[in-house]
Each structure stands twice: as C-alpha cells, then as structure tokens.
Amino acid sequence: MKQSMLILSFVMLFVNNAQADEMSLPSCGENCTYSMLANGTDSDCNTTYTLIIEPIIKGTEATVNRYDSLGYSTTTNYAPWRNVNVSKVEVKEGIVSIGSHAFEDMWSIKEVQLSNGLESIGAEAFHNCSNLENINL
C-alpha cells in the first residue's frame, strides 16, 4: 500500500509539473505559441525582433488569433506582440490559419515567412503594415 501511494504521488507530481509547463507557454490562438528573438536594431538604434509562431504540439494544426489566450485582452484588445518592434514574422509548419487583423498596425514588419501548410489568412491580417517589403511562401 505504501509503495502504491508513493507511485501515485510521483505520477501526480509529474502530471502537475507537465500541466504547469504547458500553461506557461505564451498563447497566441488555438494550439499555438510564440517567441521573440532579437535580430538587430532599427535606424533609431532600438532592438528589432523576429516573431516566431508555431504549434504547441508538433504535428497538430493551429490557428493564430489577434487576441490572447482568453479570447481578448483587457488592456489592449490586440495580440500580445502588437507593441513590440517586430521586423520579421515566421509562421512555422503546423499553423493552418492566421486570423483577421492578427498583425494590424505593425508598421515595423518588413518580412514575413509563411509555411507550406498555411491554408488561410484572415481579412486585414497585415492591415497598415506599411513597411512590409517581402513575403516568403
């Protein structure tokens, strides 16, 4: 009995840790997460970033939304990366759609790299991205 309780305690600890790790990933829609890597500086010497969007679970389909994991943001009502100096966006394999207005008003974006599996891009996803120079398919 004591051994069974020890094993059960270990399993519960493992499950709780796995759930905490999964919950700590920054969400950007249905089954997707994002990260940002510094990639240089702009003309004003401000750091620029590459926004990388990928599925949380490899091999599953994911959708990028404009809103945070709650479906909306109580402070900005926009995606969490909106006010970051993003110069490049990389949408990794497994992302099947980009929601409407996902990158709206992000004038600092110059390059977008889309994966082969992308099936749809919502209306005005790149609205007012006036410095966008290159989209790689």
N, C-alpha and C. Protein backbone atom coordinates (compact mmCIF):
# COMPACT_ATOMS: atom_id res chain seq x y z
N MET A 1 0.82 -1.20 0.00
CA MET A 1 0.00 0.00 0.00
C MET A 1 0.87 1.26 0.00
N LYS A 2 1.91 1.24 0.83
CA LYS A 2 2.80 2.39 0.91
C LYS A 2 3.48 2.64 -0.43
N GLN A 3 3.87 1.56 -1.11
CA GLN A 3 4.53 1.67 -2.42
C GLN A 3 3.55 2.24 -3.45
N SER A 4 2.30 1.83 -3.42
CA SER A 4 1.29 2.34 -4.34
C SER A 4 1.07 3.83 -4.14
N MET A 5 1.04 4.27 -2.90
CA MET A 5 0.86 5.69 -2.61
C MET A 5 2.06 6.50 -3.09
N LEU A 6 3.26 5.95 -2.95
CA LEU A 6 4.46 6.63 -3.41
C LEU A 6 4.44 6.77 -4.94
N ILE A 7 4.05 5.71 -5.62
CA ILE A 7 3.96 5.75 -7.10
C ILE A 7 2.90 6.75 -7.52
N LEU A 8 1.74 6.72 -6.88
CA LEU A 8 0.66 7.65 -7.21
C LEU A 8 1.11 9.10 -6.97
N SER A 9 1.80 9.35 -5.88
CA SER A 9 2.31 10.70 -5.61
C SER A 9 3.28 11.15 -6.69
N PHE A 10 4.16 10.26 -7.13
CA PHE A 10 5.11 10.59 -8.19
C PHE A 10 4.39 10.93 -9.49
N VAL A 11 3.39 10.12 -9.85
CA VAL A 11 2.62 10.35 -11.08
C VAL A 11 1.91 11.69 -11.00
N MET A 12 1.28 12.02 -9.88
CA MET A 12 0.57 13.29 -9.74
C MET A 12 1.54 14.46 -9.82
N LEU A 13 2.72 14.32 -9.23
CA LEU A 13 3.73 15.37 -9.31
C LEU A 13 4.15 15.60 -10.75
N PHE A 14 4.35 14.51 -11.50
CA PHE A 14 4.74 14.61 -12.91
C PHE A 14 3.64 15.28 -13.72
N VAL A 15 2.39 14.86 -13.53
CA VAL A 15 1.27 15.43 -14.28
C VAL A 15 1.12 16.92 -13.96
N ASN A 16 1.20 17.29 -12.68
CA ASN A 16 1.07 18.69 -12.31
C ASN A 16 2.18 19.53 -12.90
N ASN A 17 3.41 19.04 -12.90
CA ASN A 17 4.52 19.77 -13.50
C ASN A 17 4.34 19.92 -15.00
N ALA A 18 3.89 18.87 -15.67
CA ALA A 18 3.68 18.93 -17.12
C ALA A 18 2.59 19.95 -17.45
N GLN A 19 1.52 19.97 -16.66
CA GLN A 19 0.45 20.94 -16.90
C GLN A 19 0.94 22.36 -16.66
N ALA A 20 1.74 22.55 -15.63
CA ALA A 20 2.27 23.89 -15.35
C ALA A 20 3.16 24.36 -16.48
N ASP A 21 4.01 23.46 -17.03
CA ASP A 21 4.87 23.84 -18.14
C ASP A 21 4.04 24.20 -19.35
N GLU A 22 3.00 23.43 -19.64
CA GLU A 22 2.15 23.70 -20.80
C GLU A 22 1.42 25.02 -20.62
N MET A 23 0.94 25.30 -19.41
CA MET A 23 0.19 26.51 -19.16
C MET A 23 1.09 27.75 -19.24
N SER A 24 2.39 27.58 -19.02
CA SER A 24 3.27 28.73 -19.01
C SER A 24 3.66 29.20 -20.40
N LEU A 25 3.34 28.42 -21.43
CA LEU A 25 3.65 28.84 -22.79
C LEU A 25 2.78 30.02 -23.18
N PRO A 26 3.36 31.03 -23.81
CA PRO A 26 2.55 32.17 -24.23
C PRO A 26 1.64 31.77 -25.39
N SER A 27 0.35 31.96 -25.23
CA SER A 27 -0.61 31.56 -26.24
C SER A 27 -0.86 32.69 -27.23
N CYS A 28 -1.13 32.30 -28.47
CA CYS A 28 -1.48 33.31 -29.48
C CYS A 28 -2.62 32.81 -30.33
N GLY A 29 -3.41 31.90 -29.79
CA GLY A 29 -4.54 31.37 -30.53
C GLY A 29 -4.83 29.95 -30.13
N GLU A 30 -5.39 29.20 -31.05
CA GLU A 30 -5.75 27.82 -30.80
C GLU A 30 -4.55 26.91 -31.05
N ASN A 31 -4.00 26.32 -30.00
CA ASN A 31 -2.88 25.39 -30.08
C ASN A 31 -1.61 26.02 -30.65
N CYS A 32 -1.39 27.28 -30.41
CA CYS A 32 -0.14 27.86 -30.90
C CYS A 32 0.51 28.72 -29.83
N THR A 33 1.80 28.86 -29.97
CA THR A 33 2.59 29.67 -29.06
C THR A 33 3.50 30.57 -29.87
N TYR A 34 4.11 31.51 -29.22
CA TYR A 34 5.01 32.41 -29.93
C TYR A 34 6.24 32.69 -29.08
N SER A 35 7.29 33.10 -29.76
CA SER A 35 8.51 33.54 -29.08
C SER A 35 9.09 34.68 -29.91
N MET A 36 9.99 35.42 -29.30
CA MET A 36 10.63 36.53 -30.00
C MET A 36 12.13 36.45 -29.79
N LEU A 37 12.85 36.64 -30.89
CA LEU A 37 14.30 36.65 -30.84
C LEU A 37 14.81 37.99 -31.35
N ALA A 38 15.73 38.58 -30.61
CA ALA A 38 16.34 39.83 -31.07
C ALA A 38 17.09 39.54 -32.36
N ASN A 39 16.94 40.40 -33.36
CA ASN A 39 17.60 40.16 -34.65
C ASN A 39 18.39 41.36 -35.16
N GLY A 40 18.49 42.43 -34.38
CA GLY A 40 19.24 43.60 -34.83
C GLY A 40 18.69 44.86 -34.22
N THR A 41 18.96 45.97 -34.90
CA THR A 41 18.46 47.26 -34.46
C THR A 41 17.90 48.03 -35.65
N ASP A 42 17.00 48.95 -35.37
CA ASP A 42 16.44 49.78 -36.43
C ASP A 42 17.26 51.06 -36.57
N SER A 43 16.81 51.98 -37.40
CA SER A 43 17.57 53.22 -37.66
C SER A 43 17.68 54.12 -36.43
N ASP A 44 16.81 53.90 -35.43
CA ASP A 44 16.87 54.67 -34.19
C ASP A 44 17.62 53.93 -33.08
N CYS A 45 18.31 52.85 -33.47
CA CYS A 45 19.08 52.02 -32.53
C CYS A 45 18.22 51.28 -31.51
N ASN A 46 16.94 51.04 -31.84
CA ASN A 46 16.06 50.23 -31.00
C ASN A 46 16.18 48.77 -31.44
N THR A 47 16.13 47.86 -30.50
CA THR A 47 16.22 46.44 -30.82
C THR A 47 15.02 46.01 -31.65
N THR A 48 15.26 45.22 -32.69
CA THR A 48 14.19 44.64 -33.50
C THR A 48 14.12 43.15 -33.21
N TYR A 49 12.96 42.56 -33.50
CA TYR A 49 12.72 41.17 -33.13
C TYR A 49 12.13 40.37 -34.30
N THR A 50 12.41 39.07 -34.26
CA THR A 50 11.73 38.11 -35.12
C THR A 50 10.66 37.45 -34.26
N LEU A 51 9.42 37.52 -34.71
CA LEU A 51 8.30 36.86 -34.04
C LEU A 51 8.14 35.49 -34.67
N ILE A 52 8.25 34.44 -33.86
CA ILE A 52 8.15 33.06 -34.34
C ILE A 52 6.87 32.47 -33.77
N ILE A 53 6.00 32.02 -34.66
CA ILE A 53 4.72 31.44 -34.26
C ILE A 53 4.71 29.98 -34.69
N GLU A 54 4.41 29.08 -33.73
CA GLU A 54 4.43 27.65 -34.03
C GLU A 54 3.40 26.91 -33.18
N PRO A 55 3.04 25.70 -33.61
CA PRO A 55 2.09 24.91 -32.82
C PRO A 55 2.70 24.53 -31.47
N ILE A 56 1.86 24.44 -30.45
CA ILE A 56 2.33 23.98 -29.14
C ILE A 56 2.70 22.51 -29.23
N ILE A 57 1.87 21.73 -29.90
CA ILE A 57 2.12 20.30 -30.06
C ILE A 57 2.45 20.05 -31.52
N LYS A 58 3.67 19.60 -31.78
CA LYS A 58 4.11 19.36 -33.16
C LYS A 58 3.19 18.34 -33.83
N GLY A 59 2.92 18.55 -35.09
CA GLY A 59 2.08 17.64 -35.86
C GLY A 59 0.59 17.90 -35.72
N THR A 60 0.21 18.95 -35.00
CA THR A 60 -1.20 19.29 -34.89
C THR A 60 -1.44 20.65 -35.54
N GLU A 61 -2.66 20.88 -35.95
CA GLU A 61 -2.99 22.13 -36.62
C GLU A 61 -3.23 23.22 -35.59
N ALA A 62 -2.87 24.43 -35.95
CA ALA A 62 -3.02 25.56 -35.03
C ALA A 62 -3.47 26.79 -35.79
N THR A 63 -4.08 27.72 -35.08
CA THR A 63 -4.59 28.95 -35.66
C THR A 63 -4.09 30.14 -34.86
N VAL A 64 -3.55 31.15 -35.56
CA VAL A 64 -3.10 32.38 -34.92
C VAL A 64 -4.29 33.33 -34.84
N ASN A 65 -4.55 33.84 -33.66
CA ASN A 65 -5.63 34.80 -33.48
C ASN A 65 -5.07 36.16 -33.09
N ARG A 66 -5.87 37.15 -33.27
CA ARG A 66 -5.50 38.52 -32.91
C ARG A 66 -5.42 38.67 -31.39
N TYR A 67 -6.20 37.89 -30.69
CA TYR A 67 -6.36 38.07 -29.26
C TYR A 67 -5.50 37.09 -28.47
N ASP A 68 -5.40 37.34 -27.17
CA ASP A 68 -4.62 36.46 -26.31
C ASP A 68 -5.40 35.18 -25.99
N SER A 69 -4.87 34.36 -25.10
CA SER A 69 -5.45 33.04 -24.83
C SER A 69 -6.84 33.10 -24.23
N LEU A 70 -7.25 34.22 -23.69
CA LEU A 70 -8.60 34.36 -23.15
C LEU A 70 -9.61 34.73 -24.22
N GLY A 71 -9.12 35.02 -25.42
CA GLY A 71 -10.01 35.44 -26.49
C GLY A 71 -10.03 36.95 -26.64
N TYR A 72 -9.52 37.66 -25.67
CA TYR A 72 -9.43 39.10 -25.76
C TYR A 72 -8.39 39.56 -24.74
N SER A 73 -7.93 40.75 -24.88
CA SER A 73 -7.00 41.34 -23.90
C SER A 73 -7.70 42.51 -23.25
N THR A 74 -7.74 42.49 -21.94
CA THR A 74 -8.47 43.55 -21.24
C THR A 74 -7.76 44.89 -21.31
N THR A 75 -6.48 44.90 -21.67
CA THR A 75 -5.76 46.16 -21.70
C THR A 75 -5.64 46.75 -23.10
N THR A 76 -5.42 45.93 -24.11
CA THR A 76 -5.19 46.48 -25.44
C THR A 76 -6.16 46.01 -26.50
N ASN A 77 -6.78 44.85 -26.29
CA ASN A 77 -7.67 44.24 -27.26
C ASN A 77 -6.94 43.86 -28.55
N TYR A 78 -5.63 43.68 -28.48
CA TYR A 78 -4.82 43.27 -29.62
C TYR A 78 -3.88 42.15 -29.22
N ALA A 79 -3.25 41.57 -30.20
CA ALA A 79 -2.29 40.50 -29.96
C ALA A 79 -1.17 40.98 -29.06
N PRO A 80 -0.58 40.07 -28.27
CA PRO A 80 0.45 40.48 -27.31
C PRO A 80 1.72 41.05 -27.94
N TRP A 81 1.92 40.81 -29.21
CA TRP A 81 3.14 41.31 -29.88
C TRP A 81 2.94 42.65 -30.58
N ARG A 82 1.78 43.22 -30.48
CA ARG A 82 1.45 44.42 -31.25
C ARG A 82 2.37 45.60 -30.97
N ASN A 83 2.78 45.78 -29.74
CA ASN A 83 3.60 46.95 -29.39
C ASN A 83 5.08 46.61 -29.28
N VAL A 84 5.50 45.54 -29.91
CA VAL A 84 6.91 45.14 -29.93
C VAL A 84 7.47 45.50 -31.30
N ASN A 85 8.71 45.87 -31.35
CA ASN A 85 9.37 46.29 -32.59
C ASN A 85 9.74 45.05 -33.43
N VAL A 86 8.73 44.42 -34.02
CA VAL A 86 8.90 43.19 -34.81
C VAL A 86 9.23 43.57 -36.25
N SER A 87 10.38 43.09 -36.73
CA SER A 87 10.75 43.36 -38.12
C SER A 87 10.52 42.15 -39.02
N LYS A 88 10.41 40.96 -38.42
CA LYS A 88 10.22 39.73 -39.20
C LYS A 88 9.25 38.82 -38.47
N VAL A 89 8.36 38.18 -39.24
CA VAL A 89 7.42 37.20 -38.71
C VAL A 89 7.69 35.87 -39.39
N GLU A 90 7.85 34.81 -38.60
CA GLU A 90 8.00 33.46 -39.13
C GLU A 90 6.84 32.61 -38.64
N VAL A 91 6.03 32.12 -39.57
CA VAL A 91 4.91 31.25 -39.25
C VAL A 91 5.35 29.83 -39.60
N LYS A 92 5.51 29.00 -38.57
CA LYS A 92 6.08 27.66 -38.75
C LYS A 92 5.05 26.65 -39.24
N GLU A 93 5.56 25.53 -39.74
CA GLU A 93 4.74 24.41 -40.21
C GLU A 93 3.78 23.98 -39.09
N GLY A 94 2.53 23.76 -39.45
CA GLY A 94 1.52 23.36 -38.48
C GLY A 94 0.49 24.45 -38.23
N ILE A 95 0.85 25.68 -38.53
CA ILE A 95 -0.12 26.77 -38.43
C ILE A 95 -0.94 26.75 -39.71
N VAL A 96 -2.25 26.56 -39.57
CA VAL A 96 -3.10 26.43 -40.76
C VAL A 96 -3.84 27.72 -41.11
N SER A 97 -3.98 28.62 -40.14
CA SER A 97 -4.64 29.88 -40.48
C SER A 97 -4.16 31.02 -39.60
N ILE A 98 -4.24 32.21 -40.17
CA ILE A 98 -3.93 33.44 -39.46
C ILE A 98 -5.23 34.24 -39.42
N GLY A 99 -5.64 34.62 -38.24
CA GLY A 99 -6.91 35.31 -38.07
C GLY A 99 -6.90 36.74 -38.57
N SER A 100 -8.07 37.29 -38.72
CA SER A 100 -8.24 38.68 -39.15
C SER A 100 -7.52 39.63 -38.20
N HIS A 101 -6.86 40.61 -38.76
CA HIS A 101 -6.21 41.69 -38.00
C HIS A 101 -5.06 41.21 -37.11
N ALA A 102 -4.53 40.00 -37.33
CA ALA A 102 -3.51 39.43 -36.44
C ALA A 102 -2.28 40.32 -36.29
N PHE A 103 -1.89 41.01 -37.34
CA PHE A 103 -0.69 41.85 -37.30
C PHE A 103 -1.01 43.31 -37.66
N GLU A 104 -2.25 43.67 -37.51
CA GLU A 104 -2.71 45.02 -37.86
C GLU A 104 -1.90 46.10 -37.15
N ASP A 105 -1.57 47.16 -37.89
CA ASP A 105 -0.87 48.34 -37.38
C ASP A 105 0.56 48.06 -36.92
N MET A 106 1.14 46.98 -37.37
CA MET A 106 2.53 46.68 -37.00
C MET A 106 3.44 47.19 -38.12
N TRP A 107 3.63 48.49 -38.15
CA TRP A 107 4.37 49.16 -39.22
C TRP A 107 5.83 48.73 -39.29
N SER A 108 6.37 48.14 -38.22
CA SER A 108 7.79 47.77 -38.22
C SER A 108 8.08 46.46 -38.96
N ILE A 109 7.05 45.69 -39.30
CA ILE A 109 7.27 44.42 -40.01
C ILE A 109 7.77 44.70 -41.42
N LYS A 110 8.91 44.10 -41.75
CA LYS A 110 9.48 44.23 -43.10
C LYS A 110 9.42 42.93 -43.88
N GLU A 111 9.41 41.80 -43.16
CA GLU A 111 9.47 40.50 -43.83
C GLU A 111 8.56 39.51 -43.12
N VAL A 112 7.89 38.67 -43.92
CA VAL A 112 7.03 37.61 -43.40
C VAL A 112 7.40 36.32 -44.10
N GLN A 113 7.59 35.27 -43.31
CA GLN A 113 7.89 33.94 -43.86
C GLN A 113 6.75 33.01 -43.45
N LEU A 114 6.02 32.50 -44.46
CA LEU A 114 4.87 31.64 -44.22
C LEU A 114 5.21 30.19 -44.53
N SER A 115 4.60 29.26 -43.79
CA SER A 115 4.86 27.84 -44.02
C SER A 115 3.97 27.29 -45.13
N ASN A 116 4.34 26.14 -45.64
CA ASN A 116 3.59 25.48 -46.71
C ASN A 116 2.18 25.09 -46.31
N GLY A 117 1.97 24.74 -45.05
CA GLY A 117 0.67 24.25 -44.60
C GLY A 117 -0.37 25.31 -44.33
N LEU A 118 0.00 26.56 -44.49
CA LEU A 118 -0.94 27.65 -44.23
C LEU A 118 -2.07 27.61 -45.25
N GLU A 119 -3.31 27.57 -44.77
CA GLU A 119 -4.47 27.45 -45.64
C GLU A 119 -5.23 28.76 -45.81
N SER A 120 -5.21 29.62 -44.81
CA SER A 120 -5.98 30.86 -44.94
C SER A 120 -5.35 31.99 -44.12
N ILE A 121 -5.56 33.19 -44.63
CA ILE A 121 -5.16 34.42 -43.94
C ILE A 121 -6.39 35.29 -43.86
N GLY A 122 -6.75 35.70 -42.65
CA GLY A 122 -7.96 36.48 -42.43
C GLY A 122 -7.89 37.88 -43.00
N ALA A 123 -9.06 38.49 -43.11
CA ALA A 123 -9.17 39.85 -43.64
C ALA A 123 -8.31 40.82 -42.83
N GLU A 124 -7.59 41.65 -43.54
CA GLU A 124 -6.77 42.70 -42.96
C GLU A 124 -5.76 42.20 -41.94
N ALA A 125 -5.28 40.96 -42.11
CA ALA A 125 -4.28 40.40 -41.20
C ALA A 125 -3.02 41.25 -41.15
N PHE A 126 -2.68 41.87 -42.27
CA PHE A 126 -1.50 42.73 -42.34
C PHE A 126 -1.87 44.18 -42.65
N HIS A 127 -3.07 44.57 -42.24
CA HIS A 127 -3.55 45.93 -42.47
C HIS A 127 -2.62 46.94 -41.81
N ASN A 128 -2.25 47.96 -42.56
CA ASN A 128 -1.41 49.05 -42.08
C ASN A 128 0.00 48.60 -41.68
N CYS A 129 0.51 47.59 -42.35
CA CYS A 129 1.91 47.17 -42.19
C CYS A 129 2.67 47.83 -43.34
N SER A 130 2.82 49.13 -43.25
CA SER A 130 3.27 49.94 -44.38
C SER A 130 4.73 49.71 -44.79
N ASN A 131 5.54 49.10 -43.95
CA ASN A 131 6.93 48.85 -44.31
C ASN A 131 7.19 47.42 -44.77
N LEU A 132 6.12 46.63 -44.94
CA LEU A 132 6.26 45.25 -45.38
C LEU A 132 6.83 45.21 -46.80
N GLU A 133 8.00 44.59 -46.94
CA GLU A 133 8.72 44.56 -48.21
C GLU A 133 8.72 43.18 -48.87
N ASN A 134 8.66 42.12 -48.05
CA ASN A 134 8.89 40.78 -48.58
C ASN A 134 8.02 39.75 -47.87
N ILE A 135 7.31 38.92 -48.64
CA ILE A 135 6.56 37.79 -48.09
C ILE A 135 7.10 36.54 -48.78
N ASN A 136 7.63 35.61 -47.98
CA ASN A 136 8.16 34.35 -48.50
C ASN A 136 7.13 33.25 -48.28
N LEU A 137 6.77 32.58 -49.35
CA LEU A 137 5.81 31.49 -49.27
C LEU A 137 6.51 30.16 -49.31
